[in-house]
């Protein structure tokens, strides 16, 4: 069965449709696959795509939080594109499947957005809403 791809006719799709999709760069190098998407439920935004890269057959993969704004859809090739050289991704801050960072920490998130040269979505507009303690 063919997977649904973002298109003009289908600008909204399920997370499960994107999970497992290939990620390539502009040089057509394989950068891994979408492992998961992290949703900021307070802002109604995709905060990060979690990219799985390296390893063999899923073993030893390193995970990377990629700002959603760093990715674009390549409808023709049915993949996502991250415009970074493979070497830059290999040097990026990452984590293991057993030791995830606190993705709600705006300081940590700010460093990730800065690495990928993106403006953190929570600094645009009204900014983050803090939960009451």
N, C-alpha and C. Protein backbone atom coordinates (compact mmCIF):
# COMPACT_ATOMS: atom_id res chain seq x y z
N UNK A 1 0.84 -1.18 0.00
CA UNK A 1 0.00 0.00 0.00
C UNK A 1 0.88 1.24 0.00
N UNK A 2 0.59 2.19 -0.85
CA UNK A 2 1.36 3.42 -0.96
C UNK A 2 1.04 4.34 0.21
N UNK A 3 2.09 4.94 0.78
CA UNK A 3 1.94 5.86 1.90
C UNK A 3 1.40 7.20 1.40
N UNK A 4 0.62 7.85 2.23
CA UNK A 4 0.14 9.19 1.90
C UNK A 4 1.31 10.16 1.97
N UNK A 5 1.34 11.09 1.07
CA UNK A 5 2.40 12.10 1.02
C UNK A 5 1.74 13.47 1.11
N UNK A 6 2.39 14.38 1.82
CA UNK A 6 1.87 15.74 1.87
C UNK A 6 1.73 16.28 0.46
N UNK A 7 0.64 16.93 0.19
CA UNK A 7 0.43 17.53 -1.12
C UNK A 7 -0.52 18.71 -0.96
N UNK A 8 -0.71 19.40 -2.05
CA UNK A 8 -1.66 20.51 -2.02
C UNK A 8 -3.03 19.98 -1.64
N UNK A 9 -3.37 18.79 -2.13
CA UNK A 9 -4.67 18.21 -1.84
C UNK A 9 -4.74 17.63 -0.42
N UNK A 10 -3.58 17.25 0.15
CA UNK A 10 -3.53 16.63 1.47
C UNK A 10 -2.50 17.34 2.35
N UNK A 11 -2.76 18.58 2.77
CA UNK A 11 -1.77 19.29 3.57
C UNK A 11 -1.74 18.84 5.03
N UNK A 12 -2.68 17.98 5.43
CA UNK A 12 -2.73 17.48 6.80
C UNK A 12 -2.74 15.96 6.73
N UNK A 13 -1.78 15.34 7.42
CA UNK A 13 -1.72 13.88 7.44
C UNK A 13 -1.42 13.40 8.86
N UNK A 14 -1.53 12.12 9.08
CA UNK A 14 -1.29 11.57 10.41
C UNK A 14 0.21 11.44 10.68
N UNK A 15 0.56 11.50 11.96
CA UNK A 15 1.95 11.32 12.37
C UNK A 15 2.46 9.96 11.92
N UNK A 16 1.62 8.94 12.01
CA UNK A 16 2.07 7.60 11.64
C UNK A 16 2.44 7.51 10.17
N UNK A 17 1.90 8.39 9.35
CA UNK A 17 2.26 8.41 7.93
C UNK A 17 3.70 8.88 7.74
N UNK A 18 4.14 9.83 8.57
CA UNK A 18 5.50 10.36 8.44
C UNK A 18 6.54 9.49 9.14
N UNK A 19 6.14 8.78 10.18
CA UNK A 19 7.07 7.94 10.92
C UNK A 19 7.65 6.88 9.99
N UNK A 20 8.95 6.82 9.95
CA UNK A 20 9.64 5.87 9.08
C UNK A 20 10.02 6.44 7.73
N UNK A 21 9.54 7.65 7.42
CA UNK A 21 9.90 8.27 6.13
C UNK A 21 11.39 8.59 6.09
N UNK A 22 11.97 8.45 4.91
CA UNK A 22 13.38 8.76 4.71
C UNK A 22 13.60 10.26 4.77
N UNK A 23 14.81 10.61 5.23
CA UNK A 23 15.25 12.00 5.25
C UNK A 23 16.55 12.06 4.45
N UNK A 24 16.60 13.00 3.53
CA UNK A 24 17.77 13.19 2.68
C UNK A 24 18.18 14.65 2.76
N UNK A 25 19.37 14.96 2.27
CA UNK A 25 19.76 16.37 2.19
C UNK A 25 19.75 16.80 0.73
N UNK A 26 20.11 18.04 0.47
CA UNK A 26 20.08 18.55 -0.90
C UNK A 26 21.10 17.88 -1.82
N UNK A 27 22.08 17.19 -1.23
CA UNK A 27 23.06 16.45 -2.01
C UNK A 27 22.59 15.01 -2.25
N UNK A 28 21.33 14.73 -1.87
CA UNK A 28 20.70 13.41 -2.00
C UNK A 28 21.37 12.34 -1.15
N UNK A 29 22.02 12.75 -0.05
CA UNK A 29 22.61 11.79 0.88
C UNK A 29 21.54 11.34 1.86
N UNK A 30 21.57 10.08 2.21
CA UNK A 30 20.64 9.52 3.18
C UNK A 30 21.02 10.00 4.58
N UNK A 31 20.09 10.65 5.26
CA UNK A 31 20.33 11.15 6.62
C UNK A 31 19.56 10.36 7.67
N UNK A 32 18.84 9.35 7.27
CA UNK A 32 18.12 8.54 8.24
C UNK A 32 16.63 8.52 7.97
N UNK A 33 15.88 8.30 9.06
CA UNK A 33 14.42 8.21 8.96
C UNK A 33 13.77 8.96 10.11
N UNK A 34 12.54 9.39 9.87
CA UNK A 34 11.75 10.00 10.94
C UNK A 34 11.39 8.92 11.94
N UNK A 35 11.83 9.09 13.17
CA UNK A 35 11.56 8.14 14.23
C UNK A 35 10.26 8.50 14.97
N UNK A 36 10.06 9.80 15.15
CA UNK A 36 8.89 10.27 15.91
C UNK A 36 8.72 11.76 15.66
N UNK A 37 7.59 12.28 16.06
CA UNK A 37 7.37 13.73 16.05
C UNK A 37 7.00 14.15 17.46
N UNK A 38 7.55 15.25 17.90
CA UNK A 38 7.28 15.77 19.23
C UNK A 38 6.36 16.98 19.07
N UNK A 39 5.21 16.91 19.73
CA UNK A 39 4.18 17.94 19.62
C UNK A 39 4.18 18.82 20.86
N UNK A 40 4.19 20.12 20.65
CA UNK A 40 4.01 21.08 21.74
C UNK A 40 2.50 21.28 21.84
N UNK A 41 1.86 20.61 22.77
CA UNK A 41 0.40 20.64 22.85
C UNK A 41 -0.13 21.99 23.30
N UNK A 42 0.68 22.76 24.03
CA UNK A 42 0.22 24.08 24.47
C UNK A 42 0.18 25.08 23.32
N UNK A 43 1.05 24.92 22.34
CA UNK A 43 1.10 25.83 21.20
C UNK A 43 0.47 25.23 19.95
N UNK A 44 0.15 23.94 19.99
CA UNK A 44 -0.43 23.30 18.81
C UNK A 44 0.55 23.27 17.65
N UNK A 45 1.81 22.97 17.96
CA UNK A 45 2.87 22.98 16.93
C UNK A 45 3.69 21.70 17.01
N UNK A 46 4.25 21.31 15.87
CA UNK A 46 5.25 20.26 15.89
C UNK A 46 6.54 20.94 16.32
N UNK A 47 7.09 20.52 17.45
CA UNK A 47 8.30 21.12 17.97
C UNK A 47 9.53 20.55 17.29
N UNK A 48 9.57 19.23 17.17
CA UNK A 48 10.73 18.55 16.62
C UNK A 48 10.30 17.31 15.86
N UNK A 49 11.07 16.99 14.85
CA UNK A 49 11.05 15.66 14.27
C UNK A 49 12.24 14.95 14.90
N UNK A 50 12.04 13.73 15.37
CA UNK A 50 13.15 12.95 15.91
C UNK A 50 13.65 12.09 14.76
N UNK A 51 14.91 12.31 14.41
CA UNK A 51 15.54 11.63 13.29
C UNK A 51 16.42 10.51 13.82
N UNK A 52 16.29 9.34 13.25
CA UNK A 52 17.13 8.20 13.57
C UNK A 52 18.19 8.08 12.48
N UNK A 53 19.46 8.06 12.89
CA UNK A 53 20.56 8.07 11.92
C UNK A 53 21.68 7.17 12.42
N UNK A 54 22.30 6.45 11.51
CA UNK A 54 23.44 5.61 11.84
C UNK A 54 22.99 4.23 12.27
N UNK A 55 23.91 3.46 12.75
CA UNK A 55 23.59 2.11 13.19
C UNK A 55 23.28 1.19 12.03
N UNK A 56 22.99 -0.04 12.37
CA UNK A 56 22.68 -1.06 11.37
C UNK A 56 21.38 -1.73 11.76
N UNK A 57 20.42 -1.70 10.84
CA UNK A 57 19.11 -2.32 11.05
C UNK A 57 18.47 -1.90 12.38
N UNK A 58 18.58 -0.59 12.69
CA UNK A 58 17.96 -0.05 13.88
C UNK A 58 18.77 -0.21 15.15
N UNK A 59 19.87 -0.92 15.09
CA UNK A 59 20.73 -1.12 16.26
C UNK A 59 21.83 -0.06 16.26
N UNK A 60 21.99 0.62 17.39
CA UNK A 60 23.04 1.62 17.51
C UNK A 60 22.71 2.95 16.86
N UNK A 61 21.46 3.13 16.45
CA UNK A 61 21.07 4.41 15.87
C UNK A 61 21.22 5.52 16.90
N UNK A 62 21.63 6.68 16.43
CA UNK A 62 21.66 7.87 17.25
C UNK A 62 20.42 8.66 16.86
N UNK A 63 19.78 9.30 17.82
CA UNK A 63 18.59 10.10 17.58
C UNK A 63 18.95 11.58 17.66
N UNK A 64 18.27 12.36 16.84
CA UNK A 64 18.49 13.80 16.80
C UNK A 64 17.14 14.50 16.79
N UNK A 65 17.02 15.55 17.60
CA UNK A 65 15.84 16.41 17.55
C UNK A 65 16.11 17.46 16.47
N UNK A 66 15.25 17.48 15.47
CA UNK A 66 15.40 18.42 14.36
C UNK A 66 14.24 19.39 14.41
N UNK A 67 14.50 20.69 14.46
CA UNK A 67 13.38 21.64 14.41
C UNK A 67 12.52 21.38 13.17
N UNK A 68 11.23 21.33 13.36
CA UNK A 68 10.33 21.05 12.25
C UNK A 68 10.54 22.04 11.10
N UNK A 69 10.87 23.28 11.46
CA UNK A 69 11.08 24.31 10.45
C UNK A 69 12.33 24.06 9.60
N UNK A 70 13.19 23.13 10.01
CA UNK A 70 14.39 22.79 9.23
C UNK A 70 14.10 21.80 8.12
N UNK A 71 12.94 21.19 8.16
CA UNK A 71 12.59 20.15 7.19
C UNK A 71 11.63 20.67 6.14
N UNK A 72 11.70 20.07 4.98
CA UNK A 72 10.71 20.35 3.95
C UNK A 72 10.34 19.03 3.28
N UNK A 73 9.19 19.01 2.69
CA UNK A 73 8.68 17.81 2.04
C UNK A 73 9.13 17.80 0.58
N UNK A 74 9.66 16.66 0.15
CA UNK A 74 9.96 16.43 -1.26
C UNK A 74 8.89 15.46 -1.75
N UNK A 75 7.82 16.02 -2.31
CA UNK A 75 6.67 15.21 -2.72
C UNK A 75 7.04 14.24 -3.85
N UNK A 76 7.87 14.70 -4.76
CA UNK A 76 8.23 13.87 -5.91
C UNK A 76 8.96 12.60 -5.49
N UNK A 77 9.89 12.73 -4.52
CA UNK A 77 10.67 11.57 -4.06
C UNK A 77 10.13 10.94 -2.78
N UNK A 78 9.00 11.47 -2.31
CA UNK A 78 8.32 10.96 -1.12
C UNK A 78 9.26 10.82 0.07
N UNK A 79 9.92 11.94 0.40
CA UNK A 79 10.81 11.95 1.55
C UNK A 79 10.83 13.36 2.14
N UNK A 80 11.49 13.48 3.27
CA UNK A 80 11.71 14.78 3.88
C UNK A 80 13.14 15.21 3.53
N UNK A 81 13.37 16.52 3.45
CA UNK A 81 14.69 17.04 3.13
C UNK A 81 15.15 17.93 4.29
N UNK A 82 16.36 17.66 4.74
CA UNK A 82 17.03 18.46 5.77
C UNK A 82 18.28 19.02 5.11
N UNK A 83 18.33 20.33 4.95
CA UNK A 83 19.43 20.95 4.22
C UNK A 83 20.66 21.14 5.10
N UNK A 84 21.29 20.04 5.49
CA UNK A 84 22.57 20.07 6.21
C UNK A 84 23.47 18.99 5.61
N UNK A 85 24.76 19.26 5.55
CA UNK A 85 25.67 18.21 5.12
C UNK A 85 25.65 17.04 6.11
N UNK A 86 25.90 15.86 5.63
CA UNK A 86 25.90 14.67 6.46
C UNK A 86 26.86 14.82 7.65
N UNK A 87 28.00 15.44 7.41
CA UNK A 87 29.01 15.61 8.47
C UNK A 87 28.47 16.50 9.59
N UNK A 88 27.69 17.51 9.23
CA UNK A 88 27.12 18.40 10.26
C UNK A 88 26.11 17.65 11.11
N UNK A 89 25.31 16.78 10.49
CA UNK A 89 24.37 15.98 11.27
C UNK A 89 25.13 15.03 12.19
N UNK A 90 26.19 14.40 11.68
CA UNK A 90 26.97 13.48 12.51
C UNK A 90 27.56 14.18 13.74
N UNK A 91 27.86 15.48 13.63
CA UNK A 91 28.43 16.25 14.73
C UNK A 91 27.37 16.92 15.60
N UNK A 92 26.10 16.80 15.23
CA UNK A 92 25.01 17.47 15.95
C UNK A 92 24.79 16.85 17.33
N UNK A 93 24.23 17.63 18.25
CA UNK A 93 23.87 17.06 19.54
C UNK A 93 22.78 16.01 19.34
N UNK A 94 23.00 14.84 19.87
CA UNK A 94 22.04 13.75 19.72
C UNK A 94 21.85 13.03 21.03
N UNK A 95 21.11 11.95 20.98
CA UNK A 95 20.81 11.18 22.18
C UNK A 95 20.49 9.75 21.79
N UNK A 96 20.43 8.87 22.78
CA UNK A 96 20.12 7.47 22.50
C UNK A 96 18.65 7.20 22.77
N UNK A 97 18.17 6.09 22.26
CA UNK A 97 16.76 5.74 22.45
C UNK A 97 16.42 5.51 23.91
N UNK A 98 17.43 5.27 24.75
CA UNK A 98 17.20 5.03 26.17
C UNK A 98 17.47 6.24 27.05
N UNK A 99 17.88 7.36 26.47
CA UNK A 99 18.23 8.54 27.27
C UNK A 99 17.84 9.82 26.54
N UNK A 100 16.54 10.09 26.50
CA UNK A 100 16.02 11.27 25.80
C UNK A 100 16.20 12.53 26.65
N UNK A 101 16.48 13.66 26.02
CA UNK A 101 16.55 14.93 26.74
C UNK A 101 15.14 15.41 27.11
N UNK A 102 15.09 16.41 27.97
CA UNK A 102 13.82 17.04 28.31
C UNK A 102 13.48 18.03 27.20
N UNK A 103 12.65 17.60 26.27
CA UNK A 103 12.34 18.43 25.11
C UNK A 103 11.42 19.60 25.44
N UNK A 104 10.93 19.67 26.66
CA UNK A 104 10.13 20.81 27.09
C UNK A 104 11.02 21.92 27.67
N UNK A 105 12.30 21.65 27.81
CA UNK A 105 13.25 22.62 28.35
C UNK A 105 13.62 23.61 27.23
N UNK A 106 13.18 24.86 27.37
CA UNK A 106 13.42 25.85 26.32
C UNK A 106 14.90 26.20 26.16
N UNK A 107 15.70 26.05 27.21
CA UNK A 107 17.14 26.30 27.07
C UNK A 107 17.76 25.23 26.17
N UNK A 108 17.42 23.98 26.42
CA UNK A 108 17.91 22.88 25.58
C UNK A 108 17.40 23.08 24.15
N UNK A 109 16.11 23.35 24.02
CA UNK A 109 15.52 23.54 22.70
C UNK A 109 16.15 24.69 21.95
N UNK A 110 16.45 25.77 22.67
CA UNK A 110 17.09 26.92 22.03
C UNK A 110 18.43 26.56 21.42
N UNK A 111 19.18 25.70 22.11
CA UNK A 111 20.48 25.30 21.57
C UNK A 111 20.31 24.43 20.32
N UNK A 112 19.26 23.64 20.27
CA UNK A 112 19.00 22.80 19.09
C UNK A 112 18.60 23.69 17.91
N UNK A 113 17.68 24.62 18.15
CA UNK A 113 17.27 25.53 17.08
C UNK A 113 18.45 26.36 16.59
N UNK A 114 19.31 26.78 17.50
CA UNK A 114 20.49 27.55 17.11
C UNK A 114 21.43 26.70 16.24
N UNK A 115 21.62 25.44 16.60
CA UNK A 115 22.51 24.56 15.83
C UNK A 115 22.04 24.45 14.38
N UNK A 116 20.74 24.37 14.20
CA UNK A 116 20.18 24.24 12.85
C UNK A 116 19.81 25.58 12.23
N UNK A 117 20.24 26.67 12.89
CA UNK A 117 20.05 28.04 12.39
C UNK A 117 18.59 28.36 12.12
N UNK A 118 17.74 28.02 13.08
CA UNK A 118 16.31 28.29 12.99
C UNK A 118 15.88 29.15 14.17
N UNK A 119 14.88 29.95 13.96
CA UNK A 119 14.29 30.77 15.03
C UNK A 119 13.36 29.87 15.83
N UNK A 120 13.57 29.76 17.16
CA UNK A 120 12.67 28.92 17.96
C UNK A 120 11.22 29.42 17.83
N UNK A 121 10.32 28.50 17.56
CA UNK A 121 8.92 28.88 17.34
C UNK A 121 8.33 29.56 18.56
N UNK A 122 8.83 29.27 19.76
CA UNK A 122 8.25 29.85 20.96
C UNK A 122 8.71 31.29 21.19
N UNK A 123 9.65 31.80 20.38
CA UNK A 123 10.07 33.20 20.51
C UNK A 123 9.33 34.10 19.54
N UNK A 124 8.53 33.49 18.67
CA UNK A 124 7.77 34.24 17.67
C UNK A 124 6.34 34.40 18.18
N UNK A 125 5.78 35.56 18.03
CA UNK A 125 4.39 35.77 18.46
C UNK A 125 4.28 35.92 19.96
N UNK A 126 3.33 35.20 20.53
CA UNK A 126 3.04 35.39 21.95
C UNK A 126 4.04 34.75 22.90
N UNK A 127 4.93 33.87 22.39
CA UNK A 127 5.89 33.20 23.25
C UNK A 127 5.27 32.03 23.98
N UNK A 128 6.07 31.34 24.77
CA UNK A 128 5.56 30.14 25.44
C UNK A 128 4.61 30.48 26.58
N UNK A 129 3.65 29.63 26.74
CA UNK A 129 2.78 29.73 27.90
C UNK A 129 3.31 28.77 28.95
N UNK A 130 3.48 29.25 30.12
CA UNK A 130 4.00 28.42 31.21
C UNK A 130 2.84 27.75 31.92
N UNK A 131 3.06 26.52 32.30
CA UNK A 131 2.04 25.82 33.08
C UNK A 131 2.05 26.33 34.50
N UNK A 132 0.89 26.39 35.07
CA UNK A 132 0.81 26.81 36.48
C UNK A 132 1.39 25.70 37.35
N UNK A 133 2.15 26.10 38.36
CA UNK A 133 2.76 25.10 39.25
C UNK A 133 1.77 24.62 40.28
